[in-house]
PDB file of N, CA and C in Angstrom:
ATOM      1  N   MET A   1     -34.665  34.434 118.865  1.00  0.00           N
ATOM      2  CA  MET A   1     -36.049  34.378 118.475  1.00  0.00           C
ATOM      3  C   MET A   1     -36.210  34.514 116.960  1.00  0.00           C
ATOM      4  N   ALA A   2     -35.445  35.392 116.344  1.00  0.00           N
ATOM      5  CA  ALA A   2     -35.516  35.596 114.897  1.00  0.00           C
ATOM      6  C   ALA A   2     -35.062  34.335 114.161  1.00  0.00           C
ATOM      7  N   ALA A   3     -34.064  33.650 114.713  1.00  0.00           N
ATOM      8  CA  ALA A   3     -33.581  32.426 114.087  1.00  0.00           C
ATOM      9  C   ALA A   3     -34.658  31.362 114.086  1.00  0.00           C
ATOM     10  N   ARG A   4     -35.419  31.280 115.160  1.00  0.00           N
ATOM     11  CA  ARG A   4     -36.490  30.289 115.264  1.00  0.00           C
ATOM     12  C   ARG A   4     -37.598  30.585 114.238  1.00  0.00           C
ATOM     13  N   ILE A   5     -37.956  31.841 114.094  1.00  0.00           N
ATOM     14  CA  ILE A   5     -38.982  32.237 113.127  1.00  0.00           C
ATOM     15  C   ILE A   5     -38.505  31.953 111.706  1.00  0.00           C
ATOM     16  N   LEU A   6     -37.247  32.273 111.425  1.00  0.00           N
ATOM     17  CA  LEU A   6     -36.667  32.019 110.107  1.00  0.00           C
ATOM     18  C   LEU A   6     -36.647  30.519 109.808  1.00  0.00           C
ATOM     19  N   ALA A   7     -36.267  29.706 110.794  1.00  0.00           N
ATOM     20  CA  ALA A   7     -36.238  28.256 110.601  1.00  0.00           C
ATOM     21  C   ALA A   7     -37.646  27.728 110.330  1.00  0.00           C
ATOM     22  N   ASN A   8     -38.647  28.234 111.064  1.00  0.00           N
ATOM     23  CA  ASN A   8     -40.032  27.804 110.833  1.00  0.00           C
ATOM     24  C   ASN A   8     -40.508  28.200 109.431  1.00  0.00           C
ATOM     25  N   LEU A   9     -40.154  29.397 108.988  1.00  0.00           N
ATOM     26  CA  LEU A   9     -40.537  29.836 107.651  1.00  0.00           C
ATOM     27  C   LEU A   9     -39.899  28.964 106.568  1.00  0.00           C
ATOM     28  N   ILE A  10     -38.650  28.619 106.778  1.00  0.00           N
ATOM     29  CA  ILE A  10     -37.951  27.772 105.810  1.00  0.00           C
ATOM     30  C   ILE A  10     -38.594  26.390 105.758  1.00  0.00           C
ATOM     31  N   LEU A  11     -38.919  25.813 106.906  1.00  0.00           N
ATOM     32  CA  LEU A  11     -39.554  24.498 106.944  1.00  0.00           C
ATOM     33  C   LEU A  11     -40.937  24.530 106.298  1.00  0.00           C
ATOM     34  N   MET A  12     -41.718  25.558 106.624  1.00  0.00           N
ATOM     35  CA  MET A  12     -43.050  25.670 106.037  1.00  0.00           C
ATOM     36  C   MET A  12     -42.972  25.871 104.522  1.00  0.00           C
ATOM     37  N   GLY A  13     -42.056  26.705 104.092  1.00  0.00           N
ATOM     38  CA  GLY A  13     -41.887  26.955 102.657  1.00  0.00           C
ATOM     39  C   GLY A  13     -41.446  25.723 101.904  1.00  0.00           C
ATOM     40  N   SER A  14     -40.507  24.971 102.484  1.00  0.00           N
ATOM     41  CA  SER A  14     -40.052  23.756 101.808  1.00  0.00           C
ATOM     42  C   SER A  14     -41.163  22.718 101.768  1.00  0.00           C
ATOM     43  N   GLY A  15     -41.994  22.661 102.800  1.00  0.00           N
ATOM     44  CA  GLY A  15     -43.133  21.736 102.795  1.00  0.00           C
ATOM     45  C   GLY A  15     -44.128  22.073 101.701  1.00  0.00           C
ATOM     46  N   ILE A  16     -44.391  23.357 101.534  1.00  0.00           N
ATOM     47  CA  ILE A  16     -45.311  23.800 100.485  1.00  0.00           C
ATOM     48  C   ILE A  16     -44.745  23.475  99.103  1.00  0.00           C
ATOM     49  N   LEU A  17     -43.462  23.729  98.899  1.00  0.00           N
ATOM     50  CA  LEU A  17     -42.826  23.420  97.622  1.00  0.00           C
ATOM     51  C   LEU A  17     -42.857  21.918  97.344  1.00  0.00           C
ATOM     52  N   LEU A  18     -42.594  21.115  98.360  1.00  0.00           N
ATOM     53  CA  LEU A  18     -42.592  19.666  98.188  1.00  0.00           C
ATOM     54  C   LEU A  18     -43.974  19.172  97.771  1.00  0.00           C
ATOM     55  N   ARG A  19     -45.018  19.678  98.430  1.00  0.00           N
ATOM     56  CA  ARG A  19     -46.377  19.289  98.050  1.00  0.00           C
ATOM     57  C   ARG A  19     -46.698  19.709  96.624  1.00  0.00           C
ATOM     58  N   GLY A  20     -46.216  20.862  96.218  1.00  0.00           N
ATOM     59  CA  GLY A  20     -46.432  21.322  94.848  1.00  0.00           C
ATOM     60  C   GLY A  20     -45.760  20.415  93.828  1.00  0.00           C
ATOM     61  N   PHE A  21     -44.528  20.004  94.114  1.00  0.00           N
ATOM     62  CA  PHE A  21     -43.820  19.090  93.223  1.00  0.00           C
ATOM     63  C   PHE A  21     -44.525  17.743  93.135  1.00  0.00           C
ATOM     64  N   VAL A  22     -44.994  17.236  94.253  1.00  0.00           N
ATOM     65  CA  VAL A  22     -45.700  15.952  94.265  1.00  0.00           C
ATOM     66  C   VAL A  22     -46.972  16.047  93.429  1.00  0.00           C
ATOM     67  N   GLN A  23     -47.726  17.119  93.585  1.00  0.00           N
ATOM     68  CA  GLN A  23     -48.947  17.295  92.795  1.00  0.00           C
ATOM     69  C   GLN A  23     -48.627  17.408  91.301  1.00  0.00           C
ATOM     70  N   ALA A  24     -47.584  18.131  90.973  1.00  0.00           N
ATOM     71  CA  ALA A  24     -47.186  18.278  89.572  1.00  0.00           C
ATOM     72  C   ALA A  24     -46.759  16.931  88.990  1.00  0.00           C
ATOM     73  N   TYR A  25     -46.051  16.138  89.772  1.00  0.00           N
ATOM     74  CA  TYR A  25     -45.610  14.818  89.308  1.00  0.00           C
ATOM     75  C   TYR A  25     -46.822  13.916  89.067  1.00  0.00           C
ATOM     76  N   ARG A  26     -47.769  13.943  89.979  1.00  0.00           N
ATOM     77  CA  ARG A  26     -48.987  13.135  89.807  1.00  0.00           C
ATOM     78  C   ARG A  26     -49.749  13.564  88.559  1.00  0.00           C
ATOM     79  N   GLN A  27     -49.827  14.843  88.314  1.00  0.00           N
ATOM     80  CA  GLN A  27     -50.523  15.337  87.125  1.00  0.00           C
ATOM     81  C   GLN A  27     -49.778  14.918  85.861  1.00  0.00           C
ATOM     82  N   ALA A  28     -48.458  14.961  85.885  1.00  0.00           N
ATOM     83  CA  ALA A  28     -47.673  14.523  84.725  1.00  0.00           C
ATOM     84  C   ALA A  28     -47.904  13.051  84.448  1.00  0.00           C
ATOM     85  N   LEU A  29     -47.970  12.227  85.484  1.00  0.00           N
ATOM     86  CA  LEU A  29     -48.261  10.801  85.299  1.00  0.00           C
ATOM     87  C   LEU A  29     -49.656  10.593  84.715  1.00  0.00           C
ATOM     88  N   ALA A  30     -50.617  11.372  85.190  1.00  0.00           N
ATOM     89  CA  ALA A  30     -51.982  11.257  84.666  1.00  0.00           C
ATOM     90  C   ALA A  30     -52.023  11.647  83.191  1.00  0.00           C
ATOM     91  N   ASN A  31     -51.328  12.706  82.825  1.00  0.00           N
ATOM     92  CA  ASN A  31     -51.286  13.137  81.427  1.00  0.00           C
ATOM     93  C   ASN A  31     -50.589  12.102  80.555  1.00  0.00           C
ATOM     94  N   ALA A  32     -49.519  11.510  81.067  1.00  0.00           N
ATOM     95  CA  ALA A  32     -48.792  10.492  80.309  1.00  0.00           C
ATOM     96  C   ALA A  32     -49.646   9.251  80.097  1.00  0.00           C
ATOM     97  N   SER A  33     -50.434   8.874  81.093  1.00  0.00           N
ATOM     98  CA  SER A  33     -51.264   7.685  80.940  1.00  0.00           C
ATOM     99  C   SER A  33     -52.371   7.917  79.922  1.00  0.00           C
ATOM    100  N   LYS A  34     -52.824   9.143  79.774  1.00  0.00           N
ATOM    101  CA  LYS A  34     -53.841   9.452  78.774  1.00  0.00           C
ATOM    102  C   LYS A  34     -53.298   9.318  77.360  1.00  0.00           C
ATOM    103  N   SER A  35     -52.026   9.619  77.169  1.00  0.00           N
ATOM    104  CA  SER A  35     -51.443   9.588  75.826  1.00  0.00           C
ATOM    105  C   SER A  35     -50.812   8.256  75.472  1.00  0.00           C
ATOM    106  N   GLY A  36     -50.768   7.313  76.397  1.00  0.00           N
ATOM    107  CA  GLY A  36     -50.207   6.001  76.097  1.00  0.00           C
ATOM    108  C   GLY A  36     -48.719   5.898  76.343  1.00  0.00           C
ATOM    109  N   VAL A  37     -48.088   6.981  76.729  1.00  0.00           N
ATOM    110  CA  VAL A  37     -46.645   6.967  76.961  1.00  0.00           C
ATOM    111  C   VAL A  37     -46.299   6.089  78.165  1.00  0.00           C
ATOM    112  N   ALA A  38     -47.144   6.127  79.191  1.00  0.00           N
ATOM    113  CA  ALA A  38     -46.863   5.364  80.407  1.00  0.00           C
ATOM    114  C   ALA A  38     -46.857   3.864  80.132  1.00  0.00           C
ATOM    115  N   GLN A  39     -47.805   3.383  79.328  1.00  0.00           N
ATOM    116  CA  GLN A  39     -47.850   1.960  79.040  1.00  0.00           C
ATOM    117  C   GLN A  39     -46.614   1.500  78.281  1.00  0.00           C
ATOM    118  N   GLU A  40     -46.174   2.297  77.322  1.00  0.00           N
ATOM    119  CA  GLU A  40     -44.980   1.934  76.568  1.00  0.00           C
ATOM    120  C   GLU A  40     -43.752   1.927  77.473  1.00  0.00           C
ATOM    121  N   THR A  41     -43.668   2.884  78.367  1.00  0.00           N
ATOM    122  CA  THR A  41     -42.543   2.944  79.293  1.00  0.00           C
ATOM    123  C   THR A  41     -42.514   1.722  80.200  1.00  0.00           C
ATOM    124  N   VAL A  42     -43.670   1.340  80.707  1.00  0.00           N
ATOM    125  CA  VAL A  42     -43.747   0.156  81.574  1.00  0.00           C
ATOM    126  C   VAL A  42     -43.348  -1.092  80.799  1.00  0.00           C
ATOM    127  N   GLN A  43     -43.813  -1.210  79.557  1.00  0.00           N
ATOM    128  CA  GLN A  43     -43.446  -2.361  78.744  1.00  0.00           C
ATOM    129  C   GLN A  43     -41.943  -2.405  78.499  1.00  0.00           C
ATOM    130  N   ASN A  44     -41.349  -1.250  78.235  1.00  0.00           N
ATOM    131  CA  ASN A  44     -39.904  -1.203  78.014  1.00  0.00           C
ATOM    132  C   ASN A  44     -39.140  -1.564  79.280  1.00  0.00           C
ATOM    133  N   LEU A  45     -39.624  -1.138  80.426  1.00  0.00           N
ATOM    134  CA  LEU A  45     -38.964  -1.484  81.678  1.00  0.00           C
ATOM    135  C   LEU A  45     -39.070  -2.979  81.944  1.00  0.00           C
ATOM    136  N   ARG A  46     -40.210  -3.564  81.627  1.00  0.00           N
ATOM    137  CA  ARG A  46     -40.376  -5.006  81.814  1.00  0.00           C
ATOM    138  C   ARG A  46     -39.435  -5.788  80.922  1.00  0.00           C
ATOM    139  N   ARG A  47     -39.226  -5.299  79.704  1.00  0.00           N
ATOM    140  CA  ARG A  47     -38.305  -5.962  78.785  1.00  0.00           C
ATOM    141  C   ARG A  47     -36.852  -5.789  79.228  1.00  0.00           C
ATOM    142  N   GLY A  48     -36.590  -4.788  80.021  1.00  0.00           N
ATOM    143  CA  GLY A  48     -35.233  -4.540  80.479  1.00  0.00           C
ATOM    144  C   GLY A  48     -34.448  -3.645  79.543  1.00  0.00           C
ATOM    145  N   SER A  49     -35.064  -3.253  78.467  1.00  0.00           N
ATOM    146  CA  SER A  49     -34.359  -2.413  77.515  1.00  0.00           C
ATOM    147  C   SER A  49     -35.358  -1.758  76.581  1.00  0.00           C
ATOM    148  N   LYS A  50     -34.920  -0.715  75.900  1.00  0.00           N
ATOM    149  CA  LYS A  50     -35.793  -0.024  74.966  1.00  0.00           C
ATOM    150  C   LYS A  50     -35.573  -0.505  73.547  1.00  0.00           C
ATOM    151  N   VAL A  51     -34.814  -1.563  73.373  1.00  0.00           N
ATOM    152  CA  VAL A  51     -34.507  -2.068  72.052  1.00  0.00           C
ATOM    153  C   VAL A  51     -35.711  -2.836  71.509  1.00  0.00           C
ATOM    154  N   MET A  52     -36.074  -2.514  70.299  1.00  0.00           N
ATOM    155  CA  MET A  52     -37.201  -3.174  69.648  1.00  0.00           C
ATOM    156  C   MET A  52     -36.726  -4.484  69.033  1.00  0.00           C
ATOM    157  N   ALA A  53     -37.549  -5.501  69.107  1.00  0.00           N
ATOM    158  CA  ALA A  53     -37.230  -6.789  68.495  1.00  0.00           C
ATOM    159  C   ALA A  53     -37.365  -6.671  66.979  1.00  0.00           C
ATOM    160  N   GLU A  54     -36.577  -7.449  66.272  1.00  0.00           N
ATOM    161  CA  GLU A  54     -36.601  -7.392  64.809  1.00  0.00           C
ATOM    162  C   GLU A  54     -37.974  -7.786  64.266  1.00  0.00           C
ATOM    163  N   ALA A  55     -38.598  -8.798  64.867  1.00  0.00           N
ATOM    164  CA  ALA A  55     -39.917  -9.234  64.405  1.00  0.00           C
ATOM    165  C   ALA A  55     -40.952  -8.117  64.579  1.00  0.00           C
ATOM    166  N   GLU A  56     -40.868  -7.409  65.699  1.00  0.00           N
ATOM    167  CA  GLU A  56     -41.783  -6.293  65.941  1.00  0.00           C
ATOM    168  C   GLU A  56     -41.544  -5.176  64.928  1.00  0.00           C
ATOM    169  N   ALA A  57     -40.282  -4.907  64.628  1.00  0.00           N
ATOM    170  CA  ALA A  57     -39.950  -3.863  63.656  1.00  0.00           C
ATOM    171  C   ALA A  57     -40.494  -4.215  62.277  1.00  0.00           C
ATOM    172  N   ARG A  58     -40.355  -5.474  61.881  1.00  0.00           N
ATOM    173  CA  ARG A  58     -40.881  -5.903  60.585  1.00  0.00           C
ATOM    174  C   ARG A  58     -42.403  -5.807  60.546  1.00  0.00           C
ATOM    175  N   GLN A  59     -43.036  -6.131  61.657  1.00  0.00           N
ATOM    176  CA  GLN A  59     -44.491  -6.058  61.732  1.00  0.00           C
ATOM    177  C   GLN A  59     -44.975  -4.608  61.636  1.00  0.00           C
ATOM    178  N   ILE A  60     -44.279  -3.697  62.303  1.00  0.00           N
ATOM    179  CA  ILE A  60     -44.659  -2.285  62.271  1.00  0.00           C
ATOM    180  C   ILE A  60     -44.556  -1.727  60.854  1.00  0.00           C
ATOM    181  N   LEU A  61     -43.480  -2.081  60.164  1.00  0.00           N
ATOM    182  CA  LEU A  61     -43.283  -1.570  58.809  1.00  0.00           C
ATOM    183  C   LEU A  61     -44.044  -2.384  57.765  1.00  0.00           C
ATOM    184  N   GLY A  62     -44.548  -3.548  58.155  1.00  0.00           N
ATOM    185  CA  GLY A  62     -45.314  -4.371  57.224  1.00  0.00           C
ATOM    186  C   GLY A  62     -44.461  -4.983  56.133  1.00  0.00           C
ATOM    187  N   ILE A  63     -43.297  -5.485  56.512  1.00  0.00           N
ATOM    188  CA  ILE A  63     -42.394  -6.094  55.533  1.00  0.00           C
ATOM    189  C   ILE A  63     -42.083  -7.528  55.940  1.00  0.00           C
ATOM    190  N   SER A  64     -41.549  -8.288  55.000  1.00  0.00           N
ATOM    191  CA  SER A  64     -41.196  -9.675  55.286  1.00  0.00           C
ATOM    192  C   SER A  64     -39.701  -9.781  55.569  1.00  0.00           C
ATOM    193  N   GLU A  65     -39.272 -10.975  55.915  1.00  0.00           N
ATOM    194  CA  GLU A  65     -37.850 -11.193  56.206  1.00  0.00           C
ATOM    195  C   GLU A  65     -37.000 -11.110  54.949  1.00  0.00           C
ATOM    196  N   ASN A  66     -37.620 -11.259  53.794  1.00  0.00           N
ATOM    197  CA  ASN A  66     -36.880 -11.245  52.530  1.00  0.00           C
ATOM    198  C   ASN A  66     -36.820  -9.873  51.887  1.00  0.00           C
ATOM    199  N   SER A  67     -37.321  -8.856  52.566  1.00  0.00           N
ATOM    200  CA  SER A  67     -37.356  -7.507  51.995  1.00  0.00           C
ATOM    201  C   SER A  67     -35.957  -6.931  51.871  1.00  0.00           C
ATOM    202  N   THR A  68     -35.759  -6.165  50.818  1.00  0.00           N
ATOM    203  CA  THR A  68     -34.468  -5.494  50.628  1.00  0.00           C
ATOM    204  C   THR A  68     -34.463  -4.199  51.425  1.00  0.00           C
ATOM    205  N   TRP A  69     -33.274  -3.624  51.563  1.00  0.00           N
ATOM    206  CA  TRP A  69     -33.143  -2.378  52.305  1.00  0.00           C
ATOM    207  C   TRP A  69     -33.910  -1.250  51.613  1.00  0.00           C
ATOM    208  N   GLU A  70     -33.922  -1.243  50.290  1.00  0.00           N
ATOM    209  CA  GLU A  70     -34.639  -0.214  49.548  1.00  0.00           C
ATOM    210  C   GLU A  70     -36.142  -0.290  49.829  1.00  0.00           C
ATOM    211  N   GLU A  71     -36.693  -1.505  49.920  1.00  0.00           N
ATOM    212  CA  GLU A  71     -38.109  -1.665  50.239  1.00  0.00           C
ATOM    213  C   GLU A  71     -38.407  -1.147  51.651  1.00  0.00           C
ATOM    214  N   ILE A  72     -37.494  -1.405  52.566  1.00  0.00           N
ATOM    215  CA  ILE A  72     -37.667  -0.951  53.940  1.00  0.00           C
ATOM    216  C   ILE A  72     -37.687   0.569  53.996  1.00  0.00           C
ATOM    217  N   VAL A  73     -36.759   1.211  53.316  1.00  0.00           N
ATOM    218  CA  VAL A  73     -36.686   2.675  53.313  1.00  0.00           C
ATOM    219  C   VAL A  73     -37.930   3.263  52.667  1.00  0.00           C
ATOM    220  N   LYS A  74     -38.391   2.660  51.575  1.00  0.00           N
ATOM    221  CA  LYS A  74     -39.594   3.152  50.906  1.00  0.00           C
ATOM    222  C   LYS A  74     -40.809   3.049  51.825  1.00  0.00           C
ATOM    223  N   LYS A  75     -40.956   1.910  52.493  1.00  0.00           N
ATOM    224  CA  LYS A  75     -42.074   1.714  53.410  1.00  0.00           C
ATOM    225  C   LYS A  75     -41.971   2.679  54.593  1.00  0.00           C
ATOM    226  N   TYR A  76     -40.744   2.864  55.104  1.00  0.00           N
ATOM    227  CA  TYR A  76     -40.514   3.809  56.205  1.00  0.00           C
ATOM    228  C   TYR A  76     -40.938   5.216  55.807  1.00  0.00           C
ATOM    229  N   ASP A  77     -40.481   5.678  54.644  1.00  0.00           N
ATOM    230  CA  ASP A  77     -40.816   7.031  54.192  1.00  0.00           C
ATOM    231  C   ASP A  77     -42.328   7.216  54.073  1.00  0.00           C
ATOM    232  N   THR A  78     -42.997   6.216  53.508  1.00  0.00           N
ATOM    233  CA  THR A  78     -44.452   6.298  53.334  1.00  0.00           C
ATOM    234  C   THR A  78     -45.160   6.403  54.676  1.00  0.00           C
ATOM    235  N   LEU A  79     -44.832   5.505  55.605  1.00  0.00           N
ATOM    236  CA  LEU A  79     -45.496   5.490  56.909  1.00  0.00           C
ATOM    237  C   LEU A  79     -45.158   6.724  57.738  1.00  0.00           C
ATOM    238  N   PHE A  80     -43.900   7.147  57.689  1.00  0.00           N
ATOM    239  CA  PHE A  80     -43.482   8.307  58.473  1.00  0.00           C
ATOM    240  C   PHE A  80     -44.223   9.556  58.001  1.00  0.00           C
ATOM    241  N   GLU A  81     -44.304   9.758  56.691  1.00  0.00           N
ATOM    242  CA  GLU A  81     -44.982  10.932  56.153  1.00  0.00           C
ATOM    243  C   GLU A  81     -46.482  10.876  56.427  1.00  0.00           C
ATOM    244  N   ARG A  82     -47.074   9.694  56.295  1.00  0.00           N
ATOM    245  CA  ARG A  82     -48.510   9.561  56.552  1.00  0.00           C
ATOM    246  C   ARG A  82     -48.827   9.937  57.991  1.00  0.00           C
ATOM    247  N   ASN A  83     -47.996   9.505  58.938  1.00  0.00           N
ATOM    248  CA  ASN A  83     -48.230   9.830  60.340  1.00  0.00           C
ATOM    249  C   ASN A  83     -47.860  11.269  60.662  1.00  0.00           C
ATOM    250  N   ALA A  84     -46.995  11.869  59.879  1.00  0.00           N
ATOM    251  CA  ALA A  84     -46.685  13.282  60.065  1.00  0.00           C
ATOM    252  C   ALA A  84     -47.893  14.132  59.681  1.00  0.00           C
ATOM    253  N   GLN A  85     -48.619  13.704  58.661  1.00  0.00           N
ATOM    254  CA  GLN A  85     -49.790  14.445  58.213  1.00  0.00           C
ATOM    255  C   GLN A  85     -50.941  14.330  59.201  1.00  0.00           C
ATOM    256  N   THR A  86     -51.097  13.153  59.819  1.00  0.00           N
ATOM    257  CA  THR A  86     -52.204  12.968  60.766  1.00  0.00           C
ATOM    258  C   THR A  86     -51.841  13.452  62.160  1.00  0.00           C
ATOM    259  N   GLY A  87     -50.578  13.762  62.394  1.00  0.00           N
ATOM    260  CA  GLY A  87     -50.167  14.320  63.674  1.00  0.00           C
ATOM    261  C   GLY A  87     -49.931  13.300  64.765  1.00  0.00           C
ATOM    262  N   SER A  88     -49.652  12.060  64.400  1.00  0.00           N
ATOM    263  CA  SER A  88     -49.433  11.033  65.405  1.00  0.00           C
ATOM    264  C   SER A  88     -47.931  10.871  65.663  1.00  0.00           C
ATOM    265  N   PHE A  89     -47.441  11.594  66.651  1.00  0.00           N
ATOM    266  CA  PHE A  89     -46.019  11.513  66.988  1.00  0.00           C
ATOM    267  C   PHE A  89     -45.664  10.129  67.523  1.00  0.00           C
ATOM    268  N   TYR A  90     -46.566   9.515  68.266  1.00  0.00           N
ATOM    269  CA  TYR A  90     -46.319   8.182  68.824  1.00  0.00           C
ATOM    270  C   TYR A  90     -46.066   7.173  67.703  1.00  0.00           C
ATOM    271  N   LEU A  91     -46.929   7.180  66.692  1.00  0.00           N
ATOM    272  CA  LEU A  91     -46.752   6.237  65.589  1.00  0.00           C
ATOM    273  C   LEU A  91     -45.508   6.567  64.776  1.00  0.00           C
ATOM    274  N   GLN A  92     -45.231   7.857  64.617  1.00  0.00           N
ATOM    275  CA  GLN A  92     -44.001   8.250  63.924  1.00  0.00           C
ATOM    276  C   GLN A  92     -42.779   7.695  64.637  1.00  0.00           C
ATOM    277  N   SER A  93     -42.775   7.788  65.959  1.00  0.00           N
ATOM    278  CA  SER A  93     -41.611   7.305  66.710  1.00  0.00           C
ATOM    279  C   SER A  93     -41.495   5.788  66.613  1.00  0.00           C
ATOM    280  N   LYS A  94     -42.629   5.069  66.599  1.00  0.00           N
ATOM    281  CA  LYS A  94     -42.578   3.615  66.452  1.00  0.00           C
ATOM    282  C   LYS A  94     -42.006   3.234  65.085  1.00  0.00           C
ATOM    283  N   VAL A  95     -42.427   3.935  64.039  1.00  0.00           N
ATOM    284  CA  VAL A  95     -41.932   3.666  62.692  1.00  0.00           C
ATOM    285  C   VAL A  95     -40.436   3.966  62.626  1.00  0.00           C
ATOM    286  N   HIS A  96     -40.024   5.066  63.245  1.00  0.00           N
ATOM    287  CA  HIS A  96     -38.601   5.433  63.236  1.00  0.00           C
ATOM    288  C   HIS A  96     -37.764   4.398  63.991  1.00  0.00           C
ATOM    289  N   ARG A  97     -38.238   3.958  65.155  1.00  0.00           N
ATOM    290  CA  ARG A  97     -37.510   2.944  65.936  1.00  0.00           C
ATOM    291  C   ARG A  97     -37.436   1.620  65.181  1.00  0.00           C
ATOM    292  N   ALA A  98     -38.492   1.297  64.442  1.00  0.00           N
ATOM    293  CA  ALA A  98     -38.486   0.066  63.650  1.00  0.00           C
ATOM    294  C   ALA A  98     -37.405   0.139  62.572  1.00  0.00           C
ATOM    295  N   LYS A  99     -37.313   1.292  61.914  1.00  0.00           N
ATOM    296  CA  LYS A  99     -36.271   1.464  60.881  1.00  0.00           C
ATOM    297  C   LYS A  99     -34.885   1.384  61.502  1.00  0.00           C
ATOM    298  N   GLU A 100     -34.698   2.014  62.666  1.00  0.00           N
ATOM    299  CA  GLU A 100     -33.396   1.956  63.341  1.00  0.00           C
ATOM    300  C   GLU A 100     -33.015   0.519  63.676  1.00  0.00           C
ATOM    301  N   CYS A 101     -33.977  -0.250  64.171  1.00  0.00           N
ATOM    302  CA  CYS A 101     -33.725  -1.640  64.528  1.00  0.00           C
ATOM    303  C   CYS A 101     -33.292  -2.439  63.305  1.00  0.00           C
ATOM    304  N   LEU A 102     -34.031  -2.292  62.220  1.00  0.00           N
ATOM    305  CA  LEU A 102     -33.707  -3.029  61.008  1.00  0.00           C
ATOM    306  C   LEU A 102     -32.417  -2.541  60.375  1.00  0.00           C
ATOM    307  N   GLU A 103     -32.131  -1.260  60.513  1.00  0.00           N
ATOM    308  CA  GLU A 103     -30.882  -0.713  59.992  1.00  0.00           C
ATOM    309  C   GLU A 103     -29.693  -1.367  60.696  1.00  0.00           C
ATOM    310  N   ALA A 104     -29.793  -1.498  62.009  1.00  0.00           N
ATOM    311  CA  ALA A 104     -28.720  -2.155  62.764  1.00  0.00           C
ATOM    312  C   ALA A 104     -28.578  -3.614  62.343  1.00  0.00           C
ATOM    313  N   THR A 105     -29.695  -4.269  62.117  1.00  0.00           N
ATOM    314  CA  THR A 105     -29.668  -5.670  61.697  1.00  0.00           C
ATOM    315  C   THR A 105     -29.023  -5.816  60.328  1.00  0.00           C
ATOM    316  N   TYR A 106     -29.403  -4.958  59.396  1.00  0.00           N
ATOM    317  CA  TYR A 106     -28.844  -5.048  58.053  1.00  0.00           C
ATOM    318  C   TYR A 106     -27.360  -4.682  58.027  1.00  0.00           C
ATOM    319  N   GLN A 107     -26.941  -3.759  58.896  1.00  0.00           N
ATOM    320  CA  GLN A 107     -25.521  -3.422  58.972  1.00  0.00           C
ATOM    321  C   GLN A 107     -24.713  -4.592  59.508  1.00  0.00           C
ATOM    322  N   LYS A 108     -25.275  -5.315  60.474  1.00  0.00           N
ATOM    323  CA  LYS A 108     -24.584  -6.500  60.999  1.00  0.00           C
ATOM    324  C   LYS A 108     -24.437  -7.557  59.934  1.00  0.00           C
ATOM    325  N   LYS A 109     -25.454  -7.687  59.083  1.00  0.00           N
ATOM    326  CA  LYS A 109     -25.414  -8.685  58.009  1.00  0.00           C
ATOM    327  C   LYS A 109     -24.505  -8.234  56.877  1.00  0.00           C
ATOM    328  N   GLY A 110     -24.135  -6.949  56.864  1.00  0.00           N
ATOM    329  CA  GLY A 110     -23.259  -6.435  55.831  1.00  0.00           C
ATOM    330  C   GLY A 110     -23.976  -6.158  54.524  1.00  0.00           C
ATOM    331  N   GLU A 111     -25.269  -5.835  54.597  1.00  0.00           N
ATOM    332  CA  GLU A 111     -26.024  -5.596  53.394  1.00  0.00           C
ATOM    333  C   GLU A 111     -26.052  -4.125  53.011  1.00  0.00           C
ATOM    334  N   GLY A 112     -25.257  -3.332  53.694  1.00  0.00           N
ATOM    335  CA  GLY A 112     -25.089  -1.940  53.287  1.00  0.00           C
ATOM    336  C   GLY A 112     -26.250  -1.029  53.584  1.00  0.00           C
ATOM    337  N   ALA A 113     -26.780  -1.090  54.763  1.00  0.00           N
ATOM    338  CA  ALA A 113     -27.857  -0.168  55.148  1.00  0.00           C
ATOM    339  C   ALA A 113     -27.250   1.178  55.450  1.00  0.00           C
ATOM    340  N   THR A 114     -27.590   2.156  54.654  1.00  0.00           N
ATOM    341  CA  THR A 114     -27.105   3.514  54.902  1.00  0.00           C
ATOM    342  C   THR A 114     -28.284   4.451  54.920  1.00  0.00           C
ATOM    343  N   ASN A 115     -28.134   5.550  55.625  1.00  0.00           N
ATOM    344  CA  ASN A 115     -29.210   6.536  55.669  1.00  0.00           C
ATOM    345  C   ASN A 115     -29.309   7.243  54.339  1.00  0.00           C
ATOM    346  N   PRO A 116     -30.528   7.335  53.798  1.00  0.00           N
ATOM    347  CA  PRO A 116     -30.689   8.015  52.496  1.00  0.00           C
ATOM    348  C   PRO A 116     -30.568   9.504  52.646  1.00  0.00           C
TER     349      PRO A 116
END
């Protein structure tokens, strides 16, 4: 009889915990959709990768295809600091990913992209 009561308590407890986790997950999704993180994640999944395109990186930093690495770093520093002051972590991360993308591109071209 005690084993049956213990088994029922375990089942009821695990059911309550499972419902709590499901509610917490739903709330996390709702919070993420408010901040725009969910849309970016869905877009990255649709692309099949989190790698930013070079054209998108240039557009984010506001540079042309003929820009030198020094111009890219200067523009990156300006945008990163400006977004640090306004508190926009999302924009900071986009600027950082754009620099990473272009850094990889410039290293492939052998133009000596190094971290300052």
